[in-house]
């Protein structure tokens, strides 16, 4: 994780969030899909 954080600090345009961990991307994706589904119901 330290290597990923250091790499991000050296980027010209770093991401706002840095998903770390084996399930981080899947958890973020599930959360966003849930929010999109909520918006579709409006």
PDB file of N, CA and C in Angstrom:
ATOM      1  N   UNK A   1       0.827  -1.175   0.000  1.00  0.00           N
ATOM      2  CA  UNK A   1       0.000   0.000   0.000  1.00  0.00           C
ATOM      3  C   UNK A   1       0.877   1.247   0.000  1.00  0.00           C
ATOM      4  N   UNK A   2       1.962   1.217   0.698  1.00  0.00           N
ATOM      5  CA  UNK A   2       2.844   2.376   0.750  1.00  0.00           C
ATOM      6  C   UNK A   2       3.350   2.739  -0.645  1.00  0.00           C
ATOM      7  N   UNK A   3       3.682   1.735  -1.451  1.00  0.00           N
ATOM      8  CA  UNK A   3       4.152   2.002  -2.818  1.00  0.00           C
ATOM      9  C   UNK A   3       3.063   2.684  -3.642  1.00  0.00           C
ATOM     10  N   UNK A   4       1.823   2.251  -3.477  1.00  0.00           N
ATOM     11  CA  UNK A   4       0.716   2.861  -4.218  1.00  0.00           C
ATOM     12  C   UNK A   4       0.528   4.311  -3.797  1.00  0.00           C
ATOM     13  N   UNK A   5       0.612   4.583  -2.518  1.00  0.00           N
ATOM     14  CA  UNK A   5       0.452   5.960  -2.022  1.00  0.00           C
ATOM     15  C   UNK A   5       1.579   6.846  -2.540  1.00  0.00           C
ATOM     16  N   UNK A   6       2.789   6.348  -2.498  1.00  0.00           N
ATOM     17  CA  UNK A   6       3.922   7.136  -3.011  1.00  0.00           C
ATOM     18  C   UNK A   6       3.772   7.406  -4.504  1.00  0.00           C
ATOM     19  N   UNK A   7       3.322   6.410  -5.261  1.00  0.00           N
ATOM     20  CA  UNK A   7       3.137   6.591  -6.699  1.00  0.00           C
ATOM     21  C   UNK A   7       2.096   7.670  -6.979  1.00  0.00           C
ATOM     22  N   UNK A   8       1.027   7.688  -6.203  1.00  0.00           N
ATOM     23  CA  UNK A   8      -0.026   8.686  -6.399  1.00  0.00           C
ATOM     24  C   UNK A   8       0.497  10.092  -6.090  1.00  0.00           C
ATOM     25  N   UNK A   9       1.339  10.218  -5.090  1.00  0.00           N
ATOM     26  CA  UNK A   9       1.854  11.547  -4.734  1.00  0.00           C
ATOM     27  C   UNK A   9       2.734  12.126  -5.827  1.00  0.00           C
ATOM     28  N   UNK A  10       3.244  11.275  -6.698  1.00  0.00           N
ATOM     29  CA  UNK A  10       4.111  11.744  -7.786  1.00  0.00           C
ATOM     30  C   UNK A  10       3.362  12.011  -9.088  1.00  0.00           C
ATOM     31  N   UNK A  11       2.064  11.755  -9.124  1.00  0.00           N
ATOM     32  CA  UNK A  11       1.271  11.964 -10.335  1.00  0.00           C
ATOM     33  C   UNK A  11       0.970  13.441 -10.542  1.00  0.00           C
ATOM     34  N   UNK A  12       0.900  13.842 -11.817  1.00  0.00           N
ATOM     35  CA  UNK A  12       0.513  15.212 -12.143  1.00  0.00           C
ATOM     36  C   UNK A  12      -0.945  15.471 -11.779  1.00  0.00           C
ATOM     37  N   UNK A  13      -1.798  14.494 -12.012  1.00  0.00           N
ATOM     38  CA  UNK A  13      -3.228  14.625 -11.712  1.00  0.00           C
ATOM     39  C   UNK A  13      -3.669  13.384 -10.923  1.00  0.00           C
ATOM     40  N   UNK A  14      -3.384  13.355  -9.629  1.00  0.00           N
ATOM     41  CA  UNK A  14      -3.729  12.167  -8.842  1.00  0.00           C
ATOM     42  C   UNK A  14      -5.233  11.999  -8.682  1.00  0.00           C
ATOM     43  N   UNK A  15      -5.676  10.763  -8.507  1.00  0.00           N
ATOM     44  CA  UNK A  15      -7.101  10.524  -8.297  1.00  0.00           C
ATOM     45  C   UNK A  15      -7.541  11.065  -6.938  1.00  0.00           C
ATOM     46  N   UNK A  16      -8.821  11.364  -6.815  1.00  0.00           N
ATOM     47  CA  UNK A  16      -9.342  11.838  -5.535  1.00  0.00           C
ATOM     48  C   UNK A  16      -9.355  10.726  -4.498  1.00  0.00           C
ATOM     49  N   UNK A  17      -9.526   9.495  -4.944  1.00  0.00           N
ATOM     50  CA  UNK A  17      -9.573   8.350  -4.048  1.00  0.00           C
ATOM     51  C   UNK A  17      -8.633   7.265  -4.546  1.00  0.00           C
ATOM     52  N   UNK A  18      -8.077   6.524  -3.615  1.00  0.00           N
ATOM     53  CA  UNK A  18      -7.171   5.437  -3.963  1.00  0.00           C
ATOM     54  C   UNK A  18      -7.701   4.147  -3.349  1.00  0.00           C
ATOM     55  N   UNK A  19      -8.399   3.335  -4.148  1.00  0.00           N
ATOM     56  CA  UNK A  19      -8.912   2.079  -3.598  1.00  0.00           C
ATOM     57  C   UNK A  19      -7.764   1.119  -3.319  1.00  0.00           C
ATOM     58  N   UNK A  20      -7.658   0.682  -2.086  1.00  0.00           N
ATOM     59  CA  UNK A  20      -6.614  -0.283  -1.716  1.00  0.00           C
ATOM     60  C   UNK A  20      -7.282  -1.496  -1.082  1.00  0.00           C
ATOM     61  N   UNK A  21      -6.714  -2.622  -1.322  1.00  0.00           N
ATOM     62  CA  UNK A  21      -7.277  -3.862  -0.806  1.00  0.00           C
ATOM     63  C   UNK A  21      -7.922  -4.642  -1.929  1.00  0.00           C
ATOM     64  N   UNK A  22      -7.949  -5.929  -1.771  1.00  0.00           N
ATOM     65  CA  UNK A  22      -8.454  -6.815  -2.810  1.00  0.00           C
ATOM     66  C   UNK A  22      -9.906  -6.613  -3.178  1.00  0.00           C
ATOM     67  N   UNK A  23     -10.715  -6.154  -2.241  1.00  0.00           N
ATOM     68  CA  UNK A  23     -12.137  -6.003  -2.523  1.00  0.00           C
ATOM     69  C   UNK A  23     -12.592  -4.552  -2.624  1.00  0.00           C
ATOM     70  N   UNK A  24     -11.668  -3.623  -2.590  1.00  0.00           N
ATOM     71  CA  UNK A  24     -12.019  -2.196  -2.579  1.00  0.00           C
ATOM     72  C   UNK A  24     -12.762  -1.776  -3.844  1.00  0.00           C
ATOM     73  N   UNK A  25     -12.269  -2.158  -4.994  1.00  0.00           N
ATOM     74  CA  UNK A  25     -12.899  -1.745  -6.252  1.00  0.00           C
ATOM     75  C   UNK A  25     -14.301  -2.344  -6.359  1.00  0.00           C
ATOM     76  N   UNK A  26     -14.440  -3.603  -5.983  1.00  0.00           N
ATOM     77  CA  UNK A  26     -15.759  -4.241  -6.037  1.00  0.00           C
ATOM     78  C   UNK A  26     -16.737  -3.561  -5.085  1.00  0.00           C
ATOM     79  N   UNK A  27     -16.273  -3.183  -3.905  1.00  0.00           N
ATOM     80  CA  UNK A  27     -17.138  -2.513  -2.932  1.00  0.00           C
ATOM     81  C   UNK A  27     -17.549  -1.137  -3.426  1.00  0.00           C
ATOM     82  N   UNK A  28     -16.624  -0.406  -4.015  1.00  0.00           N
ATOM     83  CA  UNK A  28     -16.939   0.915  -4.557  1.00  0.00           C
ATOM     84  C   UNK A  28     -17.928   0.780  -5.710  1.00  0.00           C
ATOM     85  N   UNK A  29     -17.688  -0.177  -6.592  1.00  0.00           N
ATOM     86  CA  UNK A  29     -18.577  -0.400  -7.735  1.00  0.00           C
ATOM     87  C   UNK A  29     -19.993  -0.735  -7.263  1.00  0.00           C
ATOM     88  N   UNK A  30     -20.115  -1.605  -6.265  1.00  0.00           N
ATOM     89  CA  UNK A  30     -21.432  -1.988  -5.739  1.00  0.00           C
ATOM     90  C   UNK A  30     -22.144  -0.784  -5.136  1.00  0.00           C
ATOM     91  N   UNK A  31     -21.408   0.038  -4.425  1.00  0.00           N
ATOM     92  CA  UNK A  31     -22.005   1.230  -3.820  1.00  0.00           C
ATOM     93  C   UNK A  31     -22.506   2.195  -4.889  1.00  0.00           C
ATOM     94  N   UNK A  32     -21.700   2.409  -5.903  1.00  0.00           N
ATOM     95  CA  UNK A  32     -22.103   3.330  -6.970  1.00  0.00           C
ATOM     96  C   UNK A  32     -23.286   2.785  -7.765  1.00  0.00           C
ATOM     97  N   UNK A  33     -23.296   1.486  -8.018  1.00  0.00           N
ATOM     98  CA  UNK A  33     -24.425   0.894  -8.734  1.00  0.00           C
ATOM     99  C   UNK A  33     -25.710   1.023  -7.927  1.00  0.00           C
ATOM    100  N   UNK A  34     -25.597   0.886  -6.634  1.00  0.00           N
ATOM    101  CA  UNK A  34     -26.761   1.054  -5.766  1.00  0.00           C
ATOM    102  C   UNK A  34     -27.286   2.484  -5.834  1.00  0.00           C
ATOM    103  N   UNK A  35     -26.390   3.434  -5.842  1.00  0.00           N
ATOM    104  CA  UNK A  35     -26.793   4.839  -5.939  1.00  0.00           C
ATOM    105  C   UNK A  35     -27.441   5.139  -7.283  1.00  0.00           C
ATOM    106  N   UNK A  36     -26.880   4.581  -8.351  1.00  0.00           N
ATOM    107  CA  UNK A  36     -27.465   4.785  -9.677  1.00  0.00           C
ATOM    108  C   UNK A  36     -28.863   4.181  -9.745  1.00  0.00           C
ATOM    109  N   UNK A  37     -29.041   3.012  -9.158  1.00  0.00           N
ATOM    110  CA  UNK A  37     -30.356   2.374  -9.148  1.00  0.00           C
ATOM    111  C   UNK A  37     -31.349   3.246  -8.385  1.00  0.00           C
ATOM    112  N   UNK A  38     -30.909   3.845  -7.312  1.00  0.00           N
ATOM    113  CA  UNK A  38     -31.777   4.748  -6.537  1.00  0.00           C
ATOM    114  C   UNK A  38     -32.197   5.944  -7.383  1.00  0.00           C
ATOM    115  N   UNK A  39     -31.275   6.496  -8.129  1.00  0.00           N
ATOM    116  CA  UNK A  39     -31.593   7.631  -9.000  1.00  0.00           C
ATOM    117  C   UNK A  39     -32.590   7.237 -10.080  1.00  0.00           C
ATOM    118  N   UNK A  40     -32.473   6.038 -10.609  1.00  0.00           N
ATOM    119  CA  UNK A  40     -33.377   5.570 -11.651  1.00  0.00           C
ATOM    120  C   UNK A  40     -34.809   5.437 -11.134  1.00  0.00           C
ATOM    121  N   UNK A  41     -34.968   5.200  -9.844  1.00  0.00           N
ATOM    122  CA  UNK A  41     -36.298   5.041  -9.261  1.00  0.00           C
ATOM    123  C   UNK A  41     -36.992   6.386  -9.036  1.00  0.00           C
ATOM    124  N   UNK A  42     -36.281   7.488  -9.180  1.00  0.00           N
ATOM    125  CA  UNK A  42     -36.882   8.817  -8.955  1.00  0.00           C
ATOM    126  C   UNK A  42     -37.728   9.261 -10.115  1.00  0.00           C
TER     127      UNK A  42
END
